[in-house]
């Protein structure tokens, strides 16, 4: 049996990033995610790396936990966030 690797999820709270479980995300959280290898998750549509949660976690297709988000655009250049 293989172990499924999950993305790391962080929320911005009191001006600091804190790791949280995906299932504990809440409406209006500012969130960023990282692949298991540490690379930031980046949306293809706009290269955003930070989002606002617009719908709290729910079971989507195939019972996969899903959220809905709104982009808070923040590009990644050379593997580092740029403001």
C-alpha atoms as a PDB file:
ATOM      1  CA  UNK A   1       0.000   0.000   0.000  1.00  0.00           C
ATOM      2  CA  UNK A   2       1.358   3.446  -0.915  1.00  0.00           C
ATOM      3  CA  UNK A   3       1.013   6.528   1.237  1.00  0.00           C
ATOM      4  CA  UNK A   4      -0.835   9.397  -0.449  1.00  0.00           C
ATOM      5  CA  UNK A   5       1.131  12.634  -0.282  1.00  0.00           C
ATOM      6  CA  UNK A   6      -0.979  15.701   0.413  1.00  0.00           C
ATOM      7  CA  UNK A   7      -0.416  19.360  -0.212  1.00  0.00           C
ATOM      8  CA  UNK A   8       0.591  21.488   2.769  1.00  0.00           C
ATOM      9  CA  UNK A   9      -2.036  24.151   3.505  1.00  0.00           C
ATOM     10  CA  UNK A  10      -1.362  27.407   5.354  1.00  0.00           C
ATOM     11  CA  UNK A  11      -3.621  30.275   6.406  1.00  0.00           C
ATOM     12  CA  UNK A  12      -2.625  33.848   7.184  1.00  0.00           C
ATOM     13  CA  UNK A  13      -3.569  34.582  10.789  1.00  0.00           C
ATOM     14  CA  UNK A  14      -2.375  37.554  12.834  1.00  0.00           C
ATOM     15  CA  UNK A  15       0.095  38.415  10.019  1.00  0.00           C
ATOM     16  CA  UNK A  16       1.732  34.960  10.238  1.00  0.00           C
ATOM     17  CA  UNK A  17       1.356  31.825   8.123  1.00  0.00           C
ATOM     18  CA  UNK A  18       0.075  28.818  10.080  1.00  0.00           C
ATOM     19  CA  UNK A  19      -0.231  25.269   8.791  1.00  0.00           C
ATOM     20  CA  UNK A  20      -3.767  23.842   9.027  1.00  0.00           C
ATOM     21  CA  UNK A  21      -5.632  20.757   7.903  1.00  0.00           C
ATOM     22  CA  UNK A  22      -7.480  21.274   4.624  1.00  0.00           C
ATOM     23  CA  UNK A  23     -10.757  20.216   6.261  1.00  0.00           C
ATOM     24  CA  UNK A  24     -10.425  23.032   8.818  1.00  0.00           C
ATOM     25  CA  UNK A  25     -10.332  25.850   6.258  1.00  0.00           C
ATOM     26  CA  UNK A  26     -13.039  28.451   6.831  1.00  0.00           C
ATOM     27  CA  UNK A  27     -14.862  31.022   4.747  1.00  0.00           C
ATOM     28  CA  UNK A  28     -12.719  34.146   4.130  1.00  0.00           C
ATOM     29  CA  UNK A  29      -9.419  32.485   5.185  1.00  0.00           C
ATOM     30  CA  UNK A  30      -6.428  33.717   3.196  1.00  0.00           C
ATOM     31  CA  UNK A  31      -4.716  30.519   2.085  1.00  0.00           C
ATOM     32  CA  UNK A  32      -1.681  29.243   0.220  1.00  0.00           C
ATOM     33  CA  UNK A  33      -0.682  25.674  -0.576  1.00  0.00           C
ATOM     34  CA  UNK A  34       2.484  23.734  -1.331  1.00  0.00           C
ATOM     35  CA  UNK A  35       3.020  20.508  -3.250  1.00  0.00           C
ATOM     36  CA  UNK A  36       4.559  17.579  -1.324  1.00  0.00           C
ATOM     37  CA  UNK A  37       7.963  18.539  -2.820  1.00  0.00           C
ATOM     38  CA  UNK A  38       7.660  22.073  -1.350  1.00  0.00           C
ATOM     39  CA  UNK A  39       6.809  23.892  -4.608  1.00  0.00           C
ATOM     40  CA  UNK A  40       4.075  26.522  -4.224  1.00  0.00           C
ATOM     41  CA  UNK A  41       0.745  25.682  -5.844  1.00  0.00           C
ATOM     42  CA  UNK A  42       0.219  28.160  -8.689  1.00  0.00           C
ATOM     43  CA  UNK A  43      -3.049  28.557 -10.634  1.00  0.00           C
ATOM     44  CA  UNK A  44      -2.513  28.383 -14.386  1.00  0.00           C
ATOM     45  CA  UNK A  45      -5.173  31.018 -15.154  1.00  0.00           C
ATOM     46  CA  UNK A  46      -3.435  33.939 -13.432  1.00  0.00           C
ATOM     47  CA  UNK A  47      -0.297  32.528 -11.744  1.00  0.00           C
ATOM     48  CA  UNK A  48      -1.830  33.271  -8.334  1.00  0.00           C
ATOM     49  CA  UNK A  49      -0.340  31.640  -5.264  1.00  0.00           C
ATOM     50  CA  UNK A  50      -2.663  33.057  -2.568  1.00  0.00           C
ATOM     51  CA  UNK A  51      -6.424  32.830  -2.367  1.00  0.00           C
ATOM     52  CA  UNK A  52      -9.432  33.789  -0.285  1.00  0.00           C
ATOM     53  CA  UNK A  53     -11.721  30.884   0.613  1.00  0.00           C
ATOM     54  CA  UNK A  54     -15.192  31.687  -0.789  1.00  0.00           C
ATOM     55  CA  UNK A  55     -16.830  28.349   0.105  1.00  0.00           C
ATOM     56  CA  UNK A  56     -15.734  26.222   3.054  1.00  0.00           C
ATOM     57  CA  UNK A  57     -14.658  22.593   2.459  1.00  0.00           C
ATOM     58  CA  UNK A  58     -17.303  20.268   1.049  1.00  0.00           C
ATOM     59  CA  UNK A  59     -17.309  16.870  -0.625  1.00  0.00           C
ATOM     60  CA  UNK A  60     -17.027  17.327  -4.386  1.00  0.00           C
ATOM     61  CA  UNK A  61     -16.599  14.891  -7.256  1.00  0.00           C
ATOM     62  CA  UNK A  62     -15.788  11.351  -6.069  1.00  0.00           C
ATOM     63  CA  UNK A  63     -16.171  12.566  -2.454  1.00  0.00           C
ATOM     64  CA  UNK A  64     -12.921  14.549  -2.689  1.00  0.00           C
ATOM     65  CA  UNK A  65     -12.795  17.410  -0.188  1.00  0.00           C
ATOM     66  CA  UNK A  66     -12.976  20.656  -2.174  1.00  0.00           C
ATOM     67  CA  UNK A  67     -13.042  24.423  -1.572  1.00  0.00           C
ATOM     68  CA  UNK A  68     -13.908  27.380  -3.754  1.00  0.00           C
ATOM     69  CA  UNK A  69     -11.442  30.249  -3.875  1.00  0.00           C
ATOM     70  CA  UNK A  70     -10.890  33.764  -5.183  1.00  0.00           C
ATOM     71  CA  UNK A  71      -7.452  34.769  -6.378  1.00  0.00           C
ATOM     72  CA  UNK A  72      -5.329  37.159  -4.333  1.00  0.00           C
ATOM     73  CA  UNK A  73      -2.743  37.505  -7.067  1.00  0.00           C
ATOM     74  CA  UNK A  74       0.863  37.039  -5.944  1.00  0.00           C
ATOM     75  CA  UNK A  75       3.333  35.801  -8.567  1.00  0.00           C
ATOM     76  CA  UNK A  76       6.158  33.377  -7.985  1.00  0.00           C
ATOM     77  CA  UNK A  77       9.433  34.360  -9.640  1.00  0.00           C
ATOM     78  CA  UNK A  78      12.491  32.131  -9.420  1.00  0.00           C
ATOM     79  CA  UNK A  79      10.719  30.033  -6.790  1.00  0.00           C
ATOM     80  CA  UNK A  80      10.132  32.994  -4.439  1.00  0.00           C
ATOM     81  CA  UNK A  81       7.039  35.062  -3.779  1.00  0.00           C
ATOM     82  CA  UNK A  82       7.124  38.592  -5.108  1.00  0.00           C
ATOM     83  CA  UNK A  83       4.809  41.337  -3.872  1.00  0.00           C
END
